[in-house]
Amino acid sequence: MRLRAGTAWRGSATVVALLLGGALTACSGAPHEGPSAVRATDATGTAVRSGGTIGARGSACELPVTFDIAEHWKAEAVDPTAAGDSPAGKEVADALLRQGPVTTVCEVDAKPAGNIGFLRVFTGSPDAGDASTVLRAFVAAEKDVSEETYRSFTTGGLEGVEVEYLRTSEFLDESEKERALAVSTDQGPVVLHLGGLDTEEHEHMLPAYELARRTLRGA
């Protein structure tokens, strides 16, 4: 797990996180289904092959939705309760995993496919608000965000909202593109976020994000 979940890790929680190592990871594994012929392309025509579907019971991440992940990307469930029930443990988990009204529950790592970045999945409680409210709160919890562009979309019977924006890195002092979407389900909102080491990595991973969005369905 990289030491950021949409924003840079905050305060002394970073030190504790390093000590925890992989304790917040609940399980890992291949997608529930094998590779299919499903492909997604971005504006450059770059194609990505599906590596299977996650979200269903028995898959690497059990979620309120299902979607395809790109071939060679590795899905790993994140347990928000693994840091313990103590105040300190909850504080660490909150600092590391929570962004606005939602919490990280799954990370899909692009490194096995040759990129540096993650497609992260966040979930929230049913009373968190509609997709637009949740997504705007998610972005507001970022630091140094600008040029947000929101749009609505529909996929697999789900109504969603997507945003593209720039985030200025506090470490590199440069802006990078990021993208996220939110959908509402009976179990609460789901947010998918694609970052990347920098804008170049982000754009290389866009076909995988587009594949996830296009195949998104209620679980």
C-alpha atoms as a PDB file:
ATOM      1  CA  MET A   1       0.000   0.000   0.000  1.00  0.00           C
ATOM      2  CA  ARG A   2       1.361   3.410  -0.917  1.00  0.00           C
ATOM      3  CA  LEU A   3       1.344   6.072   1.752  1.00  0.00           C
ATOM      4  CA  ARG A   4      -1.492   8.112   0.325  1.00  0.00           C
ATOM      5  CA  ALA A   5      -5.151   7.497  -0.374  1.00  0.00           C
ATOM      6  CA  GLY A   6      -5.953  10.452  -2.571  1.00  0.00           C
ATOM      7  CA  THR A   7      -4.204  12.980  -0.319  1.00  0.00           C
ATOM      8  CA  ALA A   8      -0.761  12.898   1.276  1.00  0.00           C
ATOM      9  CA  TRP A   9      -0.723  11.066   4.593  1.00  0.00           C
ATOM     10  CA  ARG A  10      -1.117  13.436   7.485  1.00  0.00           C
ATOM     11  CA  GLY A  11       0.991  14.083  10.604  1.00  0.00           C
ATOM     12  CA  SER A  12       2.396  11.411  12.858  1.00  0.00           C
ATOM     13  CA  ALA A  13       0.002   8.819  11.450  1.00  0.00           C
ATOM     14  CA  THR A  14       2.576   8.232   8.713  1.00  0.00           C
ATOM     15  CA  VAL A  15       5.114   6.924  11.219  1.00  0.00           C
ATOM     16  CA  VAL A  16       2.566   4.616  12.793  1.00  0.00           C
ATOM     17  CA  ALA A  17       1.528   3.406   9.348  1.00  0.00           C
ATOM     18  CA  LEU A  18       5.086   2.444   8.547  1.00  0.00           C
ATOM     19  CA  LEU A  19       5.225   0.421  11.748  1.00  0.00           C
ATOM     20  CA  LEU A  20       1.959  -1.273  10.891  1.00  0.00           C
ATOM     21  CA  GLY A  21       3.339  -2.312   7.504  1.00  0.00           C
ATOM     22  CA  GLY A  22       0.770  -4.464   5.766  1.00  0.00           C
ATOM     23  CA  ALA A  23      -1.503  -4.852   8.774  1.00  0.00           C
ATOM     24  CA  LEU A  24      -4.331  -2.981   7.101  1.00  0.00           C
ATOM     25  CA  THR A  25      -4.434  -5.443   4.226  1.00  0.00           C
ATOM     26  CA  ALA A  26      -7.110  -8.051   4.687  1.00  0.00           C
ATOM     27  CA  CYS A  27      -6.529 -10.323   1.726  1.00  0.00           C
ATOM     28  CA  SER A  28      -5.217 -10.394  -1.792  1.00  0.00           C
ATOM     29  CA  GLY A  29      -5.557 -12.481  -4.871  1.00  0.00           C
ATOM     30  CA  ALA A  30      -6.516 -12.702  -8.493  1.00  0.00           C
ATOM     31  CA  PRO A  31      -9.883 -11.467  -9.772  1.00  0.00           C
ATOM     32  CA  HIS A  32     -12.834 -13.789  -9.359  1.00  0.00           C
ATOM     33  CA  GLU A  33     -13.210 -14.408 -13.084  1.00  0.00           C
ATOM     34  CA  GLY A  34     -10.618 -15.180 -15.725  1.00  0.00           C
ATOM     35  CA  PRO A  35      -9.540 -12.843 -18.535  1.00  0.00           C
ATOM     36  CA  SER A  36     -12.181 -11.956 -21.099  1.00  0.00           C
ATOM     37  CA  ALA A  37     -12.218 -10.224 -24.435  1.00  0.00           C
ATOM     38  CA  VAL A  38     -13.599  -7.013 -22.933  1.00  0.00           C
ATOM     39  CA  ARG A  39     -11.403  -4.069 -23.859  1.00  0.00           C
ATOM     40  CA  ALA A  40     -11.449  -0.345 -23.181  1.00  0.00           C
ATOM     41  CA  THR A  41      -9.638   2.400 -25.034  1.00  0.00           C
ATOM     42  CA  ASP A  42      -8.754   5.993 -24.238  1.00  0.00           C
ATOM     43  CA  ALA A  43      -8.500   9.022 -26.516  1.00  0.00           C
ATOM     44  CA  THR A  44      -5.171   7.792 -27.897  1.00  0.00           C
ATOM     45  CA  GLY A  45      -6.692   4.470 -28.932  1.00  0.00           C
ATOM     46  CA  THR A  46      -4.724   2.517 -26.327  1.00  0.00           C
ATOM     47  CA  ALA A  47      -6.517  -0.749 -25.513  1.00  0.00           C
ATOM     48  CA  VAL A  48      -6.515  -2.764 -22.315  1.00  0.00           C
ATOM     49  CA  ARG A  49      -7.690  -6.327 -21.882  1.00  0.00           C
ATOM     50  CA  SER A  50      -9.877  -7.358 -18.960  1.00  0.00           C
ATOM     51  CA  GLY A  51      -8.190  -9.441 -16.281  1.00  0.00           C
ATOM     52  CA  GLY A  52     -11.481 -10.474 -14.671  1.00  0.00           C
ATOM     53  CA  THR A  53     -14.198  -9.104 -12.432  1.00  0.00           C
ATOM     54  CA  ILE A  54     -14.014  -8.081  -8.774  1.00  0.00           C
ATOM     55  CA  GLY A  55     -16.700  -7.117  -6.299  1.00  0.00           C
ATOM     56  CA  ALA A  56     -18.719 -10.317  -6.137  1.00  0.00           C
ATOM     57  CA  ARG A  57     -18.607 -12.693  -3.184  1.00  0.00           C
ATOM     58  CA  GLY A  58     -15.417 -14.748  -3.291  1.00  0.00           C
ATOM     59  CA  SER A  59     -13.474 -12.219  -5.374  1.00  0.00           C
ATOM     60  CA  ALA A  60     -10.385 -10.399  -4.124  1.00  0.00           C
ATOM     61  CA  CYS A  61     -12.555  -7.451  -2.997  1.00  0.00           C
ATOM     62  CA  GLU A  62     -16.213  -7.941  -2.055  1.00  0.00           C
ATOM     63  CA  LEU A  63     -18.042  -4.699  -2.839  1.00  0.00           C
ATOM     64  CA  PRO A  64     -21.523  -3.221  -3.390  1.00  0.00           C
ATOM     65  CA  VAL A  65     -20.598  -3.150  -7.098  1.00  0.00           C
ATOM     66  CA  THR A  66     -18.731  -5.314  -9.566  1.00  0.00           C
ATOM     67  CA  PHE A  67     -16.402  -4.193 -12.350  1.00  0.00           C
ATOM     68  CA  ASP A  68     -13.621  -5.485 -14.560  1.00  0.00           C
ATOM     69  CA  ILE A  69      -9.998  -4.732 -13.765  1.00  0.00           C
ATOM     70  CA  ALA A  70      -7.271  -4.523 -16.385  1.00  0.00           C
ATOM     71  CA  GLU A  71      -5.159  -7.560 -17.164  1.00  0.00           C
ATOM     72  CA  HIS A  72      -2.215  -7.998 -14.773  1.00  0.00           C
ATOM     73  CA  TRP A  73      -3.548  -5.424 -12.291  1.00  0.00           C
ATOM     74  CA  LYS A  74      -3.761  -6.922  -8.790  1.00  0.00           C
ATOM     75  CA  ALA A  75      -6.726  -6.346  -6.492  1.00  0.00           C
ATOM     76  CA  GLU A  76      -6.234  -6.340  -2.730  1.00  0.00           C
ATOM     77  CA  ALA A  77      -8.903  -5.855  -0.053  1.00  0.00           C
ATOM     78  CA  VAL A  78      -8.246  -3.315   2.700  1.00  0.00           C
ATOM     79  CA  ASP A  79      -9.693  -3.853   6.180  1.00  0.00           C
ATOM     80  CA  PRO A  80     -10.387  -0.483   7.874  1.00  0.00           C
ATOM     81  CA  THR A  81     -10.699  -2.219  11.250  1.00  0.00           C
ATOM     82  CA  ALA A  82      -7.321  -3.999  11.131  1.00  0.00           C
ATOM     83  CA  ALA A  83      -5.584  -1.238  13.104  1.00  0.00           C
ATOM     84  CA  GLY A  84      -7.728  -2.135  16.123  1.00  0.00           C
ATOM     85  CA  ASP A  85     -10.548  -0.608  18.144  1.00  0.00           C
ATOM     86  CA  SER A  86      -8.378   1.583  20.344  1.00  0.00           C
ATOM     87  CA  PRO A  87      -8.576   5.374  19.899  1.00  0.00           C
ATOM     88  CA  ALA A  88      -5.036   5.368  18.487  1.00  0.00           C
ATOM     89  CA  GLY A  89      -5.861   2.566  16.057  1.00  0.00           C
ATOM     90  CA  LYS A  90      -8.998   4.324  14.867  1.00  0.00           C
ATOM     91  CA  GLU A  91      -7.083   7.553  14.428  1.00  0.00           C
ATOM     92  CA  VAL A  92      -4.466   5.825  12.304  1.00  0.00           C
ATOM     93  CA  ALA A  93      -7.074   4.077  10.149  1.00  0.00           C
ATOM     94  CA  ASP A  94      -8.979   7.332   9.726  1.00  0.00           C
ATOM     95  CA  ALA A  95      -5.855   9.236   8.710  1.00  0.00           C
ATOM     96  CA  LEU A  96      -4.736   6.585   6.250  1.00  0.00           C
ATOM     97  CA  LEU A  97      -7.930   5.313   4.730  1.00  0.00           C
ATOM     98  CA  ARG A  98     -10.700   7.878   5.051  1.00  0.00           C
ATOM     99  CA  GLN A  99     -11.325  10.672   2.556  1.00  0.00           C
ATOM    100  CA  GLY A 100     -14.361  12.840   3.153  1.00  0.00           C
ATOM    101  CA  PRO A 101     -17.433  10.638   3.715  1.00  0.00           C
ATOM    102  CA  VAL A 102     -15.899   7.400   2.385  1.00  0.00           C
ATOM    103  CA  THR A 103     -13.228   4.875   3.398  1.00  0.00           C
ATOM    104  CA  THR A 104     -10.795   2.799   1.347  1.00  0.00           C
ATOM    105  CA  VAL A 105     -11.855  -0.847   1.077  1.00  0.00           C
ATOM    106  CA  CYS A 106      -9.940  -2.051  -1.987  1.00  0.00           C
ATOM    107  CA  GLU A 107      -6.799  -1.191  -3.938  1.00  0.00           C
ATOM    108  CA  VAL A 108      -6.103  -2.360  -7.485  1.00  0.00           C
ATOM    109  CA  ASP A 109      -2.360  -2.079  -8.075  1.00  0.00           C
ATOM    110  CA  ALA A 110      -1.035  -1.226 -11.535  1.00  0.00           C
ATOM    111  CA  LYS A 111       2.583  -2.174 -10.805  1.00  0.00           C
ATOM    112  CA  PRO A 112       2.260  -5.768 -12.108  1.00  0.00           C
ATOM    113  CA  ALA A 113       1.160  -4.219 -15.416  1.00  0.00           C
ATOM    114  CA  GLY A 114       4.158  -1.886 -15.490  1.00  0.00           C
ATOM    115  CA  ASN A 115       2.624   1.352 -14.179  1.00  0.00           C
ATOM    116  CA  ILE A 116       2.938   3.176 -10.870  1.00  0.00           C
ATOM    117  CA  GLY A 117      -0.457   3.898  -9.393  1.00  0.00           C
ATOM    118  CA  PHE A 118      -3.667   2.485  -8.012  1.00  0.00           C
ATOM    119  CA  LEU A 119      -7.346   2.334  -8.778  1.00  0.00           C
ATOM    120  CA  ARG A 120      -8.789   2.676  -5.280  1.00  0.00           C
ATOM    121  CA  VAL A 121     -12.314   1.830  -4.171  1.00  0.00           C
ATOM    122  CA  PHE A 122     -13.987   3.689  -1.305  1.00  0.00           C
ATOM    123  CA  THR A 123     -17.375   3.010   0.292  1.00  0.00           C
ATOM    124  CA  GLY A 124     -19.595   4.975   2.672  1.00  0.00           C
ATOM    125  CA  SER A 125     -22.766   4.652   4.723  1.00  0.00           C
ATOM    126  CA  PRO A 126     -26.192   4.820   3.016  1.00  0.00           C
ATOM    127  CA  ASP A 127     -26.899   8.188   4.681  1.00  0.00           C
ATOM    128  CA  ALA A 128     -23.757   9.833   3.227  1.00  0.00           C
ATOM    129  CA  GLY A 129     -25.753  11.479   0.424  1.00  0.00           C
ATOM    130  CA  ASP A 130     -26.232  11.023  -3.306  1.00  0.00           C
ATOM    131  CA  ALA A 131     -23.382  10.375  -5.741  1.00  0.00           C
ATOM    132  CA  SER A 132     -22.819  14.052  -6.526  1.00  0.00           C
ATOM    133  CA  THR A 133     -22.762  15.092  -2.861  1.00  0.00           C
ATOM    134  CA  VAL A 134     -20.352  12.308  -1.939  1.00  0.00           C
ATOM    135  CA  LEU A 135     -17.996  12.944  -4.857  1.00  0.00           C
ATOM    136  CA  ARG A 136     -17.820  16.689  -4.189  1.00  0.00           C
ATOM    137  CA  ALA A 137     -17.048  16.005  -0.525  1.00  0.00           C
ATOM    138  CA  PHE A 138     -14.406  13.472  -1.577  1.00  0.00           C
ATOM    139  CA  VAL A 139     -12.672  16.039  -3.793  1.00  0.00           C
ATOM    140  CA  ALA A 140     -13.008  18.745  -1.137  1.00  0.00           C
ATOM    141  CA  ALA A 141     -11.042  16.498   1.234  1.00  0.00           C
ATOM    142  CA  GLU A 142      -8.086  16.605  -1.172  1.00  0.00           C
ATOM    143  CA  LYS A 143      -5.426  19.284  -0.832  1.00  0.00           C
ATOM    144  CA  ASP A 144      -4.567  21.880  -3.481  1.00  0.00           C
ATOM    145  CA  VAL A 145      -7.201  20.818  -6.007  1.00  0.00           C
ATOM    146  CA  SER A 146      -8.110  22.929  -9.034  1.00  0.00           C
ATOM    147  CA  GLU A 147      -9.893  22.836 -12.404  1.00  0.00           C
ATOM    148  CA  GLU A 148     -12.555  20.341 -11.310  1.00  0.00           C
ATOM    149  CA  THR A 149     -14.885  19.246 -14.121  1.00  0.00           C
ATOM    150  CA  TYR A 150     -17.962  17.213 -13.151  1.00  0.00           C
ATOM    151  CA  ARG A 151     -20.288  15.239 -15.413  1.00  0.00           C
ATOM    152  CA  SER A 152     -23.056  12.680 -14.978  1.00  0.00           C
ATOM    153  CA  PHE A 153     -23.042   9.220 -16.513  1.00  0.00           C
ATOM    154  CA  THR A 154     -25.056   5.989 -16.504  1.00  0.00           C
ATOM    155  CA  THR A 155     -23.667   2.472 -16.580  1.00  0.00           C
ATOM    156  CA  GLY A 156     -25.154  -0.930 -15.834  1.00  0.00           C
ATOM    157  CA  GLY A 157     -28.324   0.634 -14.452  1.00  0.00           C
ATOM    158  CA  LEU A 158     -26.343   2.836 -12.038  1.00  0.00           C
ATOM    159  CA  GLU A 159     -26.490   6.630 -12.038  1.00  0.00           C
ATOM    160  CA  GLY A 160     -23.117   8.198 -11.364  1.00  0.00           C
ATOM    161  CA  VAL A 161     -21.055  11.372 -11.355  1.00  0.00           C
ATOM    162  CA  GLU A 162     -17.460  11.660 -12.548  1.00  0.00           C
ATOM    163  CA  VAL A 163     -14.823  14.330 -11.961  1.00  0.00           C
ATOM    164  CA  GLU A 164     -11.493  15.226 -13.522  1.00  0.00           C
ATOM    165  CA  TYR A 165      -9.200  17.621 -11.670  1.00  0.00           C
ATOM    166  CA  LEU A 166      -5.650  18.718 -11.012  1.00  0.00           C
ATOM    167  CA  ARG A 167      -3.932  18.165  -7.674  1.00  0.00           C
ATOM    168  CA  THR A 168      -0.738  19.984  -6.798  1.00  0.00           C
ATOM    169  CA  SER A 169       1.758  17.674  -5.094  1.00  0.00           C
ATOM    170  CA  GLU A 170       3.159  19.100  -1.864  1.00  0.00           C
ATOM    171  CA  PHE A 171       6.324  17.052  -2.422  1.00  0.00           C
ATOM    172  CA  LEU A 172       7.012  17.697  -6.109  1.00  0.00           C
ATOM    173  CA  ASP A 173       5.446  21.177  -6.386  1.00  0.00           C
ATOM    174  CA  GLU A 174       3.755  20.266  -9.647  1.00  0.00           C
ATOM    175  CA  SER A 175       0.207  19.484 -10.698  1.00  0.00           C
ATOM    176  CA  GLU A 176      -0.976  16.061 -11.729  1.00  0.00           C
ATOM    177  CA  LYS A 177      -4.228  14.856 -13.254  1.00  0.00           C
ATOM    178  CA  GLU A 178      -6.575  12.697 -11.209  1.00  0.00           C
ATOM    179  CA  ARG A 179      -9.998  11.257 -11.865  1.00  0.00           C
ATOM    180  CA  ALA A 180     -12.769   9.802  -9.722  1.00  0.00           C
ATOM    181  CA  LEU A 181     -16.366   8.672  -9.984  1.00  0.00           C
ATOM    182  CA  ALA A 182     -19.147   7.957  -7.533  1.00  0.00           C
ATOM    183  CA  VAL A 183     -22.301   5.852  -7.784  1.00  0.00           C
ATOM    184  CA  SER A 184     -25.119   5.276  -5.322  1.00  0.00           C
ATOM    185  CA  THR A 185     -26.147   1.763  -4.273  1.00  0.00           C
ATOM    186  CA  ASP A 186     -28.572   0.343  -1.718  1.00  0.00           C
ATOM    187  CA  GLN A 187     -25.566  -0.379   0.509  1.00  0.00           C
ATOM    188  CA  GLY A 188     -24.215   3.165   0.265  1.00  0.00           C
ATOM    189  CA  PRO A 189     -22.040   5.190  -2.108  1.00  0.00           C
ATOM    190  CA  VAL A 190     -19.036   3.768  -3.934  1.00  0.00           C
ATOM    191  CA  VAL A 191     -16.156   5.933  -5.174  1.00  0.00           C
ATOM    192  CA  LEU A 192     -13.481   4.802  -7.641  1.00  0.00           C
ATOM    193  CA  HIS A 193     -10.363   6.976  -7.751  1.00  0.00           C
ATOM    194  CA  LEU A 194      -7.444   6.894 -10.185  1.00  0.00           C
ATOM    195  CA  GLY A 195      -4.308   8.816  -9.295  1.00  0.00           C
ATOM    196  CA  GLY A 196      -0.808   7.894 -10.360  1.00  0.00           C
ATOM    197  CA  LEU A 197       2.771   8.893  -9.706  1.00  0.00           C
ATOM    198  CA  ASP A 198       2.345  11.813 -12.109  1.00  0.00           C
ATOM    199  CA  THR A 199       0.184  12.907 -15.036  1.00  0.00           C
ATOM    200  CA  GLU A 200       2.053  10.677 -17.486  1.00  0.00           C
ATOM    201  CA  GLU A 201       1.428   7.576 -15.373  1.00  0.00           C
ATOM    202  CA  HIS A 202      -2.178   8.658 -14.845  1.00  0.00           C
ATOM    203  CA  GLU A 203      -2.810   8.894 -18.580  1.00  0.00           C
ATOM    204  CA  HIS A 204      -1.171   5.510 -19.194  1.00  0.00           C
ATOM    205  CA  MET A 205      -3.636   3.991 -16.713  1.00  0.00           C
ATOM    206  CA  LEU A 206      -6.765   5.699 -18.056  1.00  0.00           C
ATOM    207  CA  PRO A 207      -7.821   2.716 -20.224  1.00  0.00           C
ATOM    208  CA  ALA A 208      -7.981   0.583 -17.059  1.00  0.00           C
ATOM    209  CA  TYR A 209     -10.148   3.223 -15.367  1.00  0.00           C
ATOM    210  CA  GLU A 210     -12.411   3.428 -18.425  1.00  0.00           C
ATOM    211  CA  LEU A 211     -12.766  -0.360 -18.390  1.00  0.00           C
ATOM    212  CA  ALA A 212     -13.835  -0.258 -14.743  1.00  0.00           C
ATOM    213  CA  ARG A 213     -16.364   2.512 -15.359  1.00  0.00           C
ATOM    214  CA  ARG A 214     -17.847   0.878 -18.431  1.00  0.00           C
ATOM    215  CA  THR A 215     -18.317  -2.506 -16.729  1.00  0.00           C
ATOM    216  CA  LEU A 216     -19.554  -1.128 -13.396  1.00  0.00           C
ATOM    217  CA  ARG A 217     -22.681  -2.934 -12.148  1.00  0.00           C
ATOM    218  CA  GLY A 218     -24.544  -3.372  -8.886  1.00  0.00           C
ATOM    219  CA  ALA A 219     -23.361  -6.482  -7.039  1.00  0.00           C
END
